[in-house]
Amino acid sequence: VRHCRWVDEVVEDAPWVITKDFLDKHKIDYVAHDAAPYISGSSNDVYA
């Protein structure tokens, strides 16, 4: 992924569920994904 021309930064060992703390730590403005719920494990939507 690091060698893909569109990628500026890579976060290794990324969390399965994104939290506000993670967004703040990496100064992320937007998460790019579709709006459909992503059901995984005990979560009804990891992007909730």
ModelCIF file with pLDDT and N, C-alpha, C, O atoms, coordinates in Angstrom:
data_MODEL
#
_entry.id   MODEL 
#
_entity.id                         1 
_entity.type                       polymer 
_entity.pdbx_number_of_molecules   1 
#
_entity_poly.entity_id                      1 
_entity_poly.type                           'polypeptide(L)' 
_entity_poly.nstd_linkage                   no 
_entity_poly.nstd_monomer                   no 
_entity_poly.pdbx_seq_one_letter_code       VRHCRWVDEVVEDAPWVITKDFLDKHKIDYVAHDAAPYISGSSNDVYA 
_entity_poly.pdbx_seq_one_letter_code_can   VRHCRWVDEVVEDAPWVITKDFLDKHKIDYVAHDAAPYISGSSNDVYA 
_entity_poly.pdbx_strand_id                 A 
#
loop_
_entity_poly_seq.entity_id 
_entity_poly_seq.num 
_entity_poly_seq.mon_id 
_entity_poly_seq.hetero 
1 1  VAL n 
1 2  ARG n 
1 3  HIS n 
1 4  CYS n 
1 5  ARG n 
1 6  TRP n 
1 7  VAL n 
1 8  ASP n 
1 9  GLU n 
1 10 VAL n 
1 11 VAL n 
1 12 GLU n 
1 13 ASP n 
1 14 ALA n 
1 15 PRO n 
1 16 TRP n 
1 17 VAL n 
1 18 ILE n 
1 19 THR n 
1 20 LYS n 
1 21 ASP n 
1 22 PHE n 
1 23 LEU n 
1 24 ASP n 
1 25 LYS n 
1 26 HIS n 
1 27 LYS n 
1 28 ILE n 
1 29 ASP n 
1 30 TYR n 
1 31 VAL n 
1 32 ALA n 
1 33 HIS n 
1 34 ASP n 
1 35 ALA n 
1 36 ALA n 
1 37 PRO n 
1 38 TYR n 
1 39 ILE n 
1 40 SER n 
1 41 GLY n 
1 42 SER n 
1 43 SER n 
1 44 ASN n 
1 45 ASP n 
1 46 VAL n 
1 47 TYR n 
1 48 ALA n 
#
_struct_asym.id          A 
_struct_asym.entity_id   1 
#
loop_
_ma_qa_metric.id 
_ma_qa_metric.mode 
_ma_qa_metric.name 
_ma_qa_metric.software_group_id 
_ma_qa_metric.type 
1 global pLDDT . pLDDT 
2 local  pLDDT . pLDDT 
#
_ma_qa_metric_global.metric_id      1 
_ma_qa_metric_global.metric_value   84.42 
_ma_qa_metric_global.model_id       1 
_ma_qa_metric_global.ordinal_id     1 
#
loop_
_ma_qa_metric_local.label_asym_id 
_ma_qa_metric_local.label_comp_id 
_ma_qa_metric_local.label_seq_id 
_ma_qa_metric_local.metric_id 
_ma_qa_metric_local.metric_value 
_ma_qa_metric_local.model_id 
_ma_qa_metric_local.ordinal_id 
A VAL 1  2 97.00 1 1  
A ARG 2  2 97.00 1 2  
A HIS 3  2 96.00 1 3  
A CYS 4  2 96.00 1 4  
A ARG 5  2 96.00 1 5  
A TRP 6  2 96.00 1 6  
A VAL 7  2 97.00 1 7  
A ASP 8  2 98.00 1 8  
A GLU 9  2 98.00 1 9  
A VAL 10 2 98.00 1 10 
A VAL 11 2 98.00 1 11 
A GLU 12 2 98.00 1 12 
A ASP 13 2 97.00 1 13 
A ALA 14 2 96.00 1 14 
A PRO 15 2 93.00 1 15 
A TRP 16 2 87.00 1 16 
A VAL 17 2 85.00 1 17 
A ILE 18 2 85.00 1 18 
A THR 19 2 86.00 1 19 
A LYS 20 2 88.00 1 20 
A ASP 21 2 91.00 1 21 
A PHE 22 2 92.00 1 22 
A LEU 23 2 91.00 1 23 
A ASP 24 2 91.00 1 24 
A LYS 25 2 95.00 1 25 
A HIS 26 2 95.00 1 26 
A LYS 27 2 93.00 1 27 
A ILE 28 2 91.00 1 28 
A ASP 29 2 90.00 1 29 
A TYR 30 2 88.00 1 30 
A VAL 31 2 87.00 1 31 
A ALA 32 2 84.00 1 32 
A HIS 33 2 75.00 1 33 
A ASP 34 2 64.00 1 34 
A ALA 35 2 60.00 1 35 
A ALA 36 2 63.00 1 36 
A PRO 37 2 58.00 1 37 
A TYR 38 2 65.00 1 38 
A ILE 39 2 68.00 1 39 
A SER 40 2 70.00 1 40 
A GLY 41 2 68.00 1 41 
A SER 42 2 68.00 1 42 
A SER 43 2 69.00 1 43 
A ASN 44 2 69.00 1 44 
A ASP 45 2 70.00 1 45 
A VAL 46 2 71.00 1 46 
A TYR 47 2 71.00 1 47 
A ALA 48 2 73.00 1 48 
#
loop_
_atom_site.group_PDB 
_atom_site.id 
_atom_site.type_symbol 
_atom_site.label_atom_id 
_atom_site.label_alt_id 
_atom_site.label_comp_id 
_atom_site.label_asym_id 
_atom_site.label_entity_id 
_atom_site.label_seq_id 
_atom_site.pdbx_PDB_ins_code 
_atom_site.Cartn_x 
_atom_site.Cartn_y 
_atom_site.Cartn_z 
_atom_site.occupancy 
_atom_site.B_iso_or_equiv 
_atom_site.pdbx_formal_charge 
_atom_site.auth_seq_id 
_atom_site.auth_comp_id 
_atom_site.auth_asym_id 
_atom_site.auth_atom_id 
_atom_site.pdbx_PDB_model_num 
ATOM 1   N N  . VAL A 1 1  ? 0.832   -1.203 0.000  1.00 97.00 ? 1  VAL A N  1 
ATOM 2   C CA . VAL A 1 1  ? 0.000   0.000  0.000  1.00 97.00 ? 1  VAL A CA 1 
ATOM 3   C C  . VAL A 1 1  ? 0.863   1.250  0.000  1.00 97.00 ? 1  VAL A C  1 
ATOM 4   O O  . VAL A 1 1  ? 0.535   2.225  -0.675 1.00 97.00 ? 1  VAL A O  1 
ATOM 5   N N  . ARG A 1 2  ? 1.942   1.236  0.732  1.00 97.00 ? 2  ARG A N  1 
ATOM 6   C CA . ARG A 1 2  ? 2.840   2.396  0.804  1.00 97.00 ? 2  ARG A CA 1 
ATOM 7   C C  . ARG A 1 2  ? 3.341   2.807  -0.584 1.00 97.00 ? 2  ARG A C  1 
ATOM 8   O O  . ARG A 1 2  ? 3.625   3.982  -0.820 1.00 97.00 ? 2  ARG A O  1 
ATOM 9   N N  . HIS A 1 3  ? 3.448   1.847  -1.495 1.00 96.00 ? 3  HIS A N  1 
ATOM 10  C CA . HIS A 1 3  ? 3.945   2.132  -2.834 1.00 96.00 ? 3  HIS A CA 1 
ATOM 11  C C  . HIS A 1 3  ? 2.857   2.529  -3.837 1.00 96.00 ? 3  HIS A C  1 
ATOM 12  O O  . HIS A 1 3  ? 3.156   2.755  -5.010 1.00 96.00 ? 3  HIS A O  1 
ATOM 13  N N  . CYS A 1 4  ? 1.632   2.614  -3.401 1.00 96.00 ? 4  CYS A N  1 
ATOM 14  C CA . CYS A 1 4  ? 0.546   3.088  -4.268 1.00 96.00 ? 4  CYS A CA 1 
ATOM 15  C C  . CYS A 1 4  ? 0.681   4.601  -4.440 1.00 96.00 ? 4  CYS A C  1 
ATOM 16  O O  . CYS A 1 4  ? 0.866   5.322  -3.459 1.00 96.00 ? 4  CYS A O  1 
ATOM 17  N N  . ARG A 1 5  ? 0.590   5.074  -5.654 1.00 96.00 ? 5  ARG A N  1 
ATOM 18  C CA . ARG A 1 5  ? 0.815   6.501  -5.935 1.00 96.00 ? 5  ARG A CA 1 
ATOM 19  C C  . ARG A 1 5  ? -0.166  7.440  -5.242 1.00 96.00 ? 5  ARG A C  1 
ATOM 20  O O  . ARG A 1 5  ? 0.148   8.616  -5.060 1.00 96.00 ? 5  ARG A O  1 
ATOM 21  N N  . TRP A 1 6  ? -1.331  6.961  -4.853 1.00 96.00 ? 6  TRP A N  1 
ATOM 22  C CA . TRP A 1 6  ? -2.343  7.822  -4.251 1.00 96.00 ? 6  TRP A CA 1 
ATOM 23  C C  . TRP A 1 6  ? -2.160  7.979  -2.740 1.00 96.00 ? 6  TRP A C  1 
ATOM 24  O O  . TRP A 1 6  ? -2.762  8.865  -2.134 1.00 96.00 ? 6  TRP A O  1 
ATOM 25  N N  . VAL A 1 7  ? -1.347  7.140  -2.138 1.00 97.00 ? 7  VAL A N  1 
ATOM 26  C CA . VAL A 1 7  ? -1.213  7.089  -0.682 1.00 97.00 ? 7  VAL A CA 1 
ATOM 27  C C  . VAL A 1 7  ? -0.096  8.029  -0.211 1.00 97.00 ? 7  VAL A C  1 
ATOM 28  O O  . VAL A 1 7  ? 1.029   7.979  -0.707 1.00 97.00 ? 7  VAL A O  1 
ATOM 29  N N  . ASP A 1 8  ? -0.436  8.884  0.756  1.00 98.00 ? 8  ASP A N  1 
ATOM 30  C CA . ASP A 1 8  ? 0.547   9.810  1.326  1.00 98.00 ? 8  ASP A CA 1 
ATOM 31  C C  . ASP A 1 8  ? 1.132   9.293  2.633  1.00 98.00 ? 8  ASP A C  1 
ATOM 32  O O  . ASP A 1 8  ? 2.313   9.506  2.907  1.00 98.00 ? 8  ASP A O  1 
ATOM 33  N N  . GLU A 1 9  ? 0.327   8.623  3.436  1.00 98.00 ? 9  GLU A N  1 
ATOM 34  C CA . GLU A 1 9  ? 0.781   8.103  4.726  1.00 98.00 ? 9  GLU A CA 1 
ATOM 35  C C  . GLU A 1 9  ? 0.143   6.737  4.967  1.00 98.00 ? 9  GLU A C  1 
ATOM 36  O O  . GLU A 1 9  ? -0.973  6.474  4.520  1.00 98.00 ? 9  GLU A O  1 
ATOM 37  N N  . VAL A 1 10 ? 0.865   5.873  5.678  1.00 98.00 ? 10 VAL A N  1 
ATOM 38  C CA . VAL A 1 10 ? 0.338   4.567  6.060  1.00 98.00 ? 10 VAL A CA 1 
ATOM 39  C C  . VAL A 1 10 ? 0.353   4.470  7.583  1.00 98.00 ? 10 VAL A C  1 
ATOM 40  O O  . VAL A 1 10 ? 1.352   4.785  8.229  1.00 98.00 ? 10 VAL A O  1 
ATOM 41  N N  . VAL A 1 11 ? -0.764  4.030  8.141  1.00 98.00 ? 11 VAL A N  1 
ATOM 42  C CA . VAL A 1 11 ? -0.846  3.753  9.575  1.00 98.00 ? 11 VAL A CA 1 
ATOM 43  C C  . VAL A 1 11 ? -0.803  2.239  9.722  1.00 98.00 ? 11 VAL A C  1 
ATOM 44  O O  . VAL A 1 11 ? -1.746  1.540  9.352  1.00 98.00 ? 11 VAL A O  1 
ATOM 45  N N  . GLU A 1 12 ? 0.303   1.743  10.267 1.00 98.00 ? 12 GLU A N  1 
ATOM 46  C CA . GLU A 1 12 ? 0.442   0.307  10.495 1.00 98.00 ? 12 GLU A CA 1 
ATOM 47  C C  . GLU A 1 12 ? -0.324  -0.084 11.755 1.00 98.00 ? 12 GLU A C  1 
ATOM 48  O O  . GLU A 1 12 ? -0.496  0.727  12.664 1.00 98.00 ? 12 GLU A O  1 
ATOM 49  N N  . ASP A 1 13 ? -0.781  -1.333 11.800 1.00 97.00 ? 13 ASP A N  1 
ATOM 50  C CA . ASP A 1 13 ? -1.526  -1.853 12.937 1.00 97.00 ? 13 ASP A CA 1 
ATOM 51  C C  . ASP A 1 13 ? -2.725  -0.963 13.257 1.00 97.00 ? 13 ASP A C  1 
ATOM 52  O O  . ASP A 1 13 ? -2.953  -0.590 14.408 1.00 97.00 ? 13 ASP A O  1 
ATOM 53  N N  . ALA A 1 14 ? -3.483  -0.632 12.214 1.00 96.00 ? 14 ALA A N  1 
ATOM 54  C CA . ALA A 1 14 ? -4.666  0.220  12.369 1.00 96.00 ? 14 ALA A CA 1 
ATOM 55  C C  . ALA A 1 14 ? -5.734  -0.511 13.182 1.00 96.00 ? 14 ALA A C  1 
ATOM 56  O O  . ALA A 1 14 ? -5.824  -1.737 13.132 1.00 96.00 ? 14 ALA A O  1 
ATOM 57  N N  . PRO A 1 15 ? -6.537  0.236  13.923 1.00 93.00 ? 15 PRO A N  1 
ATOM 58  C CA . PRO A 1 15 ? -7.587  -0.407 14.720 1.00 93.00 ? 15 PRO A CA 1 
ATOM 59  C C  . PRO A 1 15 ? -8.738  -0.903 13.848 1.00 93.00 ? 15 PRO A C  1 
ATOM 60  O O  . PRO A 1 15 ? -8.983  -0.376 12.763 1.00 93.00 ? 15 PRO A O  1 
ATOM 61  N N  . TRP A 1 16 ? -9.428  -1.908 14.330 1.00 87.00 ? 16 TRP A N  1 
ATOM 62  C CA . TRP A 1 16 ? -10.589 -2.444 13.608 1.00 87.00 ? 16 TRP A CA 1 
ATOM 63  C C  . TRP A 1 16 ? -11.747 -1.452 13.671 1.00 87.00 ? 16 TRP A C  1 
ATOM 64  O O  . TRP A 1 16 ? -12.467 -1.266 12.690 1.00 87.00 ? 16 TRP A O  1 
ATOM 65  N N  . VAL A 1 17 ? -11.922 -0.818 14.831 1.00 85.00 ? 17 VAL A N  1 
ATOM 66  C CA . VAL A 1 17 ? -12.982 0.180  15.022 1.00 85.00 ? 17 VAL A CA 1 
ATOM 67  C C  . VAL A 1 17 ? -12.317 1.533  15.232 1.00 85.00 ? 17 VAL A C  1 
ATOM 68  O O  . VAL A 1 17 ? -11.456 1.690  16.098 1.00 85.00 ? 17 VAL A O  1 
ATOM 69  N N  . ILE A 1 18 ? -12.724 2.495  14.436 1.00 85.00 ? 18 ILE A N  1 
ATOM 70  C CA . ILE A 1 18 ? -12.141 3.837  14.503 1.00 85.00 ? 18 ILE A CA 1 
ATOM 71  C C  . ILE A 1 18 ? -12.844 4.642  15.590 1.00 85.00 ? 18 ILE A C  1 
ATOM 72  O O  . ILE A 1 18 ? -14.073 4.678  15.659 1.00 85.00 ? 18 ILE A O  1 
ATOM 73  N N  . THR A 1 19 ? -12.047 5.284  16.432 1.00 86.00 ? 19 THR A N  1 
ATOM 74  C CA . THR A 1 19 ? -12.591 6.093  17.523 1.00 86.00 ? 19 THR A CA 1 
ATOM 75  C C  . THR A 1 19 ? -12.203 7.561  17.332 1.00 86.00 ? 19 THR A C  1 
ATOM 76  O O  . THR A 1 19 ? -11.357 7.896  16.504 1.00 86.00 ? 19 THR A O  1 
ATOM 77  N N  . LYS A 1 20 ? -12.836 8.412  18.109 1.00 88.00 ? 20 LYS A N  1 
ATOM 78  C CA . LYS A 1 20 ? -12.493 9.835  18.078 1.00 88.00 ? 20 LYS A CA 1 
ATOM 79  C C  . LYS A 1 20 ? -11.034 10.046 18.464 1.00 88.00 ? 20 LYS A C  1 
ATOM 80  O O  . LYS A 1 20 ? -10.359 10.893 17.879 1.00 88.00 ? 20 LYS A O  1 
ATOM 81  N N  . ASP A 1 21 ? -10.543 9.297  19.429 1.00 91.00 ? 21 ASP A N  1 
ATOM 82  C CA . ASP A 1 21 ? -9.129  9.421  19.831 1.00 91.00 ? 21 ASP A CA 1 
ATOM 83  C C  . ASP A 1 21 ? -8.196  9.112  18.660 1.00 91.00 ? 21 ASP A C  1 
ATOM 84  O O  . ASP A 1 21 ? -7.199  9.805  18.459 1.00 91.00 ? 21 ASP A O  1 
ATOM 85  N N  . PHE A 1 22 ? -8.517  8.080  17.892 1.00 92.00 ? 22 PHE A N  1 
ATOM 86  C CA . PHE A 1 22 ? -7.709  7.724  16.726 1.00 92.00 ? 22 PHE A CA 1 
ATOM 87  C C  . PHE A 1 22 ? -7.763  8.846  15.683 1.00 92.00 ? 22 PHE A C  1 
ATOM 88  O O  . PHE A 1 22 ? -6.731  9.220  15.125 1.00 92.00 ? 22 PHE A O  1 
ATOM 89  N N  . LEU A 1 23 ? -8.946  9.379  15.420 1.00 91.00 ? 23 LEU A N  1 
ATOM 90  C CA . LEU A 1 23 ? -9.085  10.484 14.463 1.00 91.00 ? 23 LEU A CA 1 
ATOM 91  C C  . LEU A 1 23 ? -8.278  11.696 14.916 1.00 91.00 ? 23 LEU A C  1 
ATOM 92  O O  . LEU A 1 23 ? -7.591  12.325 14.112 1.00 91.00 ? 23 LEU A O  1 
ATOM 93  N N  . ASP A 1 24 ? -8.361  12.017 16.186 1.00 91.00 ? 24 ASP A N  1 
ATOM 94  C CA . ASP A 1 24 ? -7.617  13.166 16.731 1.00 91.00 ? 24 ASP A CA 1 
ATOM 95  C C  . ASP A 1 24 ? -6.107  12.933 16.651 1.00 91.00 ? 24 ASP A C  1 
ATOM 96  O O  . ASP A 1 24 ? -5.364  13.829 16.251 1.00 91.00 ? 24 ASP A O  1 
ATOM 97  N N  . LYS A 1 25 ? -5.655  11.747 17.026 1.00 95.00 ? 25 LYS A N  1 
ATOM 98  C CA . LYS A 1 25 ? -4.221  11.434 17.018 1.00 95.00 ? 25 LYS A CA 1 
ATOM 99  C C  . LYS A 1 25 ? -3.609  11.630 15.633 1.00 95.00 ? 25 LYS A C  1 
ATOM 100 O O  . LYS A 1 25 ? -2.490  12.128 15.510 1.00 95.00 ? 25 LYS A O  1 
ATOM 101 N N  . HIS A 1 26 ? -4.342  11.239 14.595 1.00 95.00 ? 26 HIS A N  1 
ATOM 102 C CA . HIS A 1 26 ? -3.824  11.319 13.229 1.00 95.00 ? 26 HIS A CA 1 
ATOM 103 C C  . HIS A 1 26 ? -4.344  12.544 12.471 1.00 95.00 ? 26 HIS A C  1 
ATOM 104 O O  . HIS A 1 26 ? -4.102  12.695 11.274 1.00 95.00 ? 26 HIS A O  1 
ATOM 105 N N  . LYS A 1 27 ? -5.059  13.412 13.183 1.00 93.00 ? 27 LYS A N  1 
ATOM 106 C CA . LYS A 1 27 ? -5.591  14.655 12.604 1.00 93.00 ? 27 LYS A CA 1 
ATOM 107 C C  . LYS A 1 27 ? -6.403  14.377 11.331 1.00 93.00 ? 27 LYS A C  1 
ATOM 108 O O  . LYS A 1 27 ? -6.214  15.028 10.303 1.00 93.00 ? 27 LYS A O  1 
ATOM 109 N N  . ILE A 1 28 ? -7.295  13.411 11.423 1.00 91.00 ? 28 ILE A N  1 
ATOM 110 C CA . ILE A 1 28 ? -8.113  12.978 10.286 1.00 91.00 ? 28 ILE A CA 1 
ATOM 111 C C  . ILE A 1 28 ? -9.385  13.812 10.233 1.00 91.00 ? 28 ILE A C  1 
ATOM 112 O O  . ILE A 1 28 ? -10.094 13.951 11.230 1.00 91.00 ? 28 ILE A O  1 
ATOM 113 N N  . ASP A 1 29 ? -9.666  14.368 9.051  1.00 90.00 ? 29 ASP A N  1 
ATOM 114 C CA . ASP A 1 29 ? -10.880 15.153 8.853  1.00 90.00 ? 29 ASP A CA 1 
ATOM 115 C C  . ASP A 1 29 ? -12.057 14.279 8.420  1.00 90.00 ? 29 ASP A C  1 
ATOM 116 O O  . ASP A 1 29 ? -13.182 14.455 8.888  1.00 90.00 ? 29 ASP A O  1 
ATOM 117 N N  . TYR A 1 30 ? -11.780 13.336 7.522  1.00 88.00 ? 30 TYR A N  1 
ATOM 118 C CA . TYR A 1 30 ? -12.848 12.472 6.992  1.00 88.00 ? 30 TYR A CA 1 
ATOM 119 C C  . TYR A 1 30 ? -12.367 11.043 6.867  1.00 88.00 ? 30 TYR A C  1 
ATOM 120 O O  . TYR A 1 30 ? -11.191 10.786 6.610  1.00 88.00 ? 30 TYR A O  1 
ATOM 121 N N  . VAL A 1 31 ? -13.289 10.121 7.051  1.00 87.00 ? 31 VAL A N  1 
ATOM 122 C CA . VAL A 1 31 ? -13.054 8.711  6.791  1.00 87.00 ? 31 VAL A CA 1 
ATOM 123 C C  . VAL A 1 31 ? -13.788 8.390  5.496  1.00 87.00 ? 31 VAL A C  1 
ATOM 124 O O  . VAL A 1 31 ? -14.990 8.625  5.373  1.00 87.00 ? 31 VAL A O  1 
ATOM 125 N N  . ALA A 1 32 ? -13.052 7.851  4.537  1.00 84.00 ? 32 ALA A N  1 
ATOM 126 C CA . ALA A 1 32 ? -13.628 7.517  3.234  1.00 84.00 ? 32 ALA A CA 1 
ATOM 127 C C  . ALA A 1 32 ? -14.167 6.092  3.275  1.00 84.00 ? 32 ALA A C  1 
ATOM 128 O O  . ALA A 1 32 ? -13.414 5.130  3.434  1.00 84.00 ? 32 ALA A O  1 
ATOM 129 N N  . HIS A 1 33 ? -15.456 5.978  3.130  1.00 75.00 ? 33 HIS A N  1 
ATOM 130 C CA . HIS A 1 33 ? -16.120 4.673  3.119  1.00 75.00 ? 33 HIS A CA 1 
ATOM 131 C C  . HIS A 1 33 ? -17.519 4.903  2.592  1.00 75.00 ? 33 HIS A C  1 
ATOM 132 O O  . HIS A 1 33 ? -17.975 6.042  2.492  1.00 75.00 ? 33 HIS A O  1 
ATOM 133 N N  . ASP A 1 34 ? -18.199 3.822  2.257  1.00 64.00 ? 34 ASP A N  1 
ATOM 134 C CA . ASP A 1 34 ? -19.593 4.006  1.879  1.00 64.00 ? 34 ASP A CA 1 
ATOM 135 C C  . ASP A 1 34 ? -20.433 4.097  3.151  1.00 64.00 ? 34 ASP A C  1 
ATOM 136 O O  . ASP A 1 34 ? -19.931 3.847  4.246  1.00 64.00 ? 34 ASP A O  1 
ATOM 137 N N  . ALA A 1 35 ? -21.688 4.449  3.010  1.00 60.00 ? 35 ALA A N  1 
ATOM 138 C CA . ALA A 1 35 ? -22.534 4.698  4.179  1.00 60.00 ? 35 ALA A CA 1 
ATOM 139 C C  . ALA A 1 35 ? -23.172 3.446  4.757  1.00 60.00 ? 35 ALA A C  1 
ATOM 140 O O  . ALA A 1 35 ? -23.722 3.492  5.857  1.00 60.00 ? 35 ALA A O  1 
ATOM 141 N N  . ALA A 1 36 ? -23.113 2.340  4.047  1.00 63.00 ? 36 ALA A N  1 
ATOM 142 C CA . ALA A 1 36 ? -23.734 1.109  4.538  1.00 63.00 ? 36 ALA A CA 1 
ATOM 143 C C  . ALA A 1 36 ? -23.084 0.657  5.830  1.00 63.00 ? 36 ALA A C  1 
ATOM 144 O O  . ALA A 1 36 ? -21.868 0.778  5.979  1.00 63.00 ? 36 ALA A O  1 
ATOM 145 N N  . PRO A 1 37 ? -23.859 0.142  6.763  1.00 58.00 ? 37 PRO A N  1 
ATOM 146 C CA . PRO A 1 37 ? -23.268 -0.360 8.013  1.00 58.00 ? 37 PRO A CA 1 
ATOM 147 C C  . PRO A 1 37 ? -22.289 -1.500 7.736  1.00 58.00 ? 37 PRO A C  1 
ATOM 148 O O  . PRO A 1 37 ? -22.549 -2.365 6.900  1.00 58.00 ? 37 PRO A O  1 
ATOM 149 N N  . TYR A 1 38 ? -21.170 -1.492 8.443  1.00 65.00 ? 38 TYR A N  1 
ATOM 150 C CA . TYR A 1 38 ? -20.190 -2.566 8.328  1.00 65.00 ? 38 TYR A CA 1 
ATOM 151 C C  . TYR A 1 38 ? -20.277 -3.385 9.608  1.00 65.00 ? 38 TYR A C  1 
ATOM 152 O O  . TYR A 1 38 ? -19.714 -3.014 10.638 1.00 65.00 ? 38 TYR A O  1 
ATOM 153 N N  . ILE A 1 39 ? -20.980 -4.484 9.529  1.00 68.00 ? 39 ILE A N  1 
ATOM 154 C CA . ILE A 1 39 ? -21.220 -5.345 10.688 1.00 68.00 ? 39 ILE A CA 1 
ATOM 155 C C  . ILE A 1 39 ? -20.037 -6.288 10.853 1.00 68.00 ? 39 ILE A C  1 
ATOM 156 O O  . ILE A 1 39 ? -19.631 -6.965 9.908  1.00 68.00 ? 39 ILE A O  1 
ATOM 157 N N  . SER A 1 40 ? -19.490 -6.325 12.064 1.00 70.00 ? 40 SER A N  1 
ATOM 158 C CA . SER A 1 40 ? -18.338 -7.183 12.328 1.00 70.00 ? 40 SER A CA 1 
ATOM 159 C C  . SER A 1 40 ? -18.254 -7.487 13.813 1.00 70.00 ? 40 SER A C  1 
ATOM 160 O O  . SER A 1 40 ? -18.374 -6.588 14.645 1.00 70.00 ? 40 SER A O  1 
ATOM 161 N N  . GLY A 1 41 ? -18.051 -8.745 14.142 1.00 68.00 ? 41 GLY A N  1 
ATOM 162 C CA . GLY A 1 41 ? -17.934 -9.131 15.541 1.00 68.00 ? 41 GLY A CA 1 
ATOM 163 C C  . GLY A 1 41 ? -19.172 -8.748 16.314 1.00 68.00 ? 41 GLY A C  1 
ATOM 164 O O  . GLY A 1 41 ? -20.286 -9.096 15.922 1.00 68.00 ? 41 GLY A O  1 
ATOM 165 N N  . SER A 1 42 ? -18.990 -8.038 17.405 1.00 68.00 ? 42 SER A N  1 
ATOM 166 C CA . SER A 1 42 ? -20.124 -7.630 18.231 1.00 68.00 ? 42 SER A CA 1 
ATOM 167 C C  . SER A 1 42 ? -20.661 -6.255 17.843 1.00 68.00 ? 42 SER A C  1 
ATOM 168 O O  . SER A 1 42 ? -21.564 -5.741 18.504 1.00 68.00 ? 42 SER A O  1 
ATOM 169 N N  . SER A 1 43 ? -20.128 -5.656 16.794 1.00 69.00 ? 43 SER A N  1 
ATOM 170 C CA . SER A 1 43 ? -20.546 -4.318 16.383 1.00 69.00 ? 43 SER A CA 1 
ATOM 171 C C  . SER A 1 43 ? -21.544 -4.381 15.226 1.00 69.00 ? 43 SER A C  1 
ATOM 172 O O  . SER A 1 43 ? -21.347 -5.106 14.251 1.00 69.00 ? 43 SER A O  1 
ATOM 173 N N  . ASN A 1 44 ? -22.607 -3.610 15.357 1.00 69.00 ? 44 ASN A N  1 
ATOM 174 C CA . ASN A 1 44 ? -23.572 -3.500 14.265 1.00 69.00 ? 44 ASN A CA 1 
ATOM 175 C C  . ASN A 1 44 ? -23.073 -2.582 13.160 1.00 69.00 ? 44 ASN A C  1 
ATOM 176 O O  . ASN A 1 44 ? -23.583 -2.608 12.040 1.00 69.00 ? 44 ASN A O  1 
ATOM 177 N N  . ASP A 1 45 ? -22.069 -1.767 13.484 1.00 70.00 ? 45 ASP A N  1 
ATOM 178 C CA . ASP A 1 45 ? -21.460 -0.882 12.492 1.00 70.00 ? 45 ASP A CA 1 
ATOM 179 C C  . ASP A 1 45 ? -20.141 -0.345 13.057 1.00 70.00 ? 45 ASP A C  1 
ATOM 180 O O  . ASP A 1 45 ? -20.150 0.487  13.965 1.00 70.00 ? 45 ASP A O  1 
ATOM 181 N N  . VAL A 1 46 ? -19.022 -0.812 12.530 1.00 71.00 ? 46 VAL A N  1 
ATOM 182 C CA . VAL A 1 46 ? -17.727 -0.363 13.055 1.00 71.00 ? 46 VAL A CA 1 
ATOM 183 C C  . VAL A 1 46 ? -17.480 1.124  12.759 1.00 71.00 ? 46 VAL A C  1 
ATOM 184 O O  . VAL A 1 46 ? -16.580 1.728  13.342 1.00 71.00 ? 46 VAL A O  1 
ATOM 185 N N  . TYR A 1 47 ? -18.269 1.709  11.863 1.00 71.00 ? 47 TYR A N  1 
ATOM 186 C CA . TYR A 1 47 ? -18.125 3.133  11.536 1.00 71.00 ? 47 TYR A CA 1 
ATOM 187 C C  . TYR A 1 47 ? -19.171 3.999  12.247 1.00 71.00 ? 47 TYR A C  1 
ATOM 188 O O  . TYR A 1 47 ? -19.328 5.170  11.900 1.00 71.00 ? 47 TYR A O  1 
ATOM 189 N N  . ALA A 1 48 ? -19.882 3.453  13.224 1.00 73.00 ? 48 ALA A N  1 
ATOM 190 C CA . ALA A 1 48 ? -20.947 4.195  13.915 1.00 73.00 ? 48 ALA A CA 1 
ATOM 191 C C  . ALA A 1 48 ? -20.426 5.466  14.577 1.00 73.00 ? 48 ALA A C  1 
ATOM 192 O O  . ALA A 1 48 ? -21.195 6.199  15.197 1.00 73.00 ? 48 ALA A O  1 
#
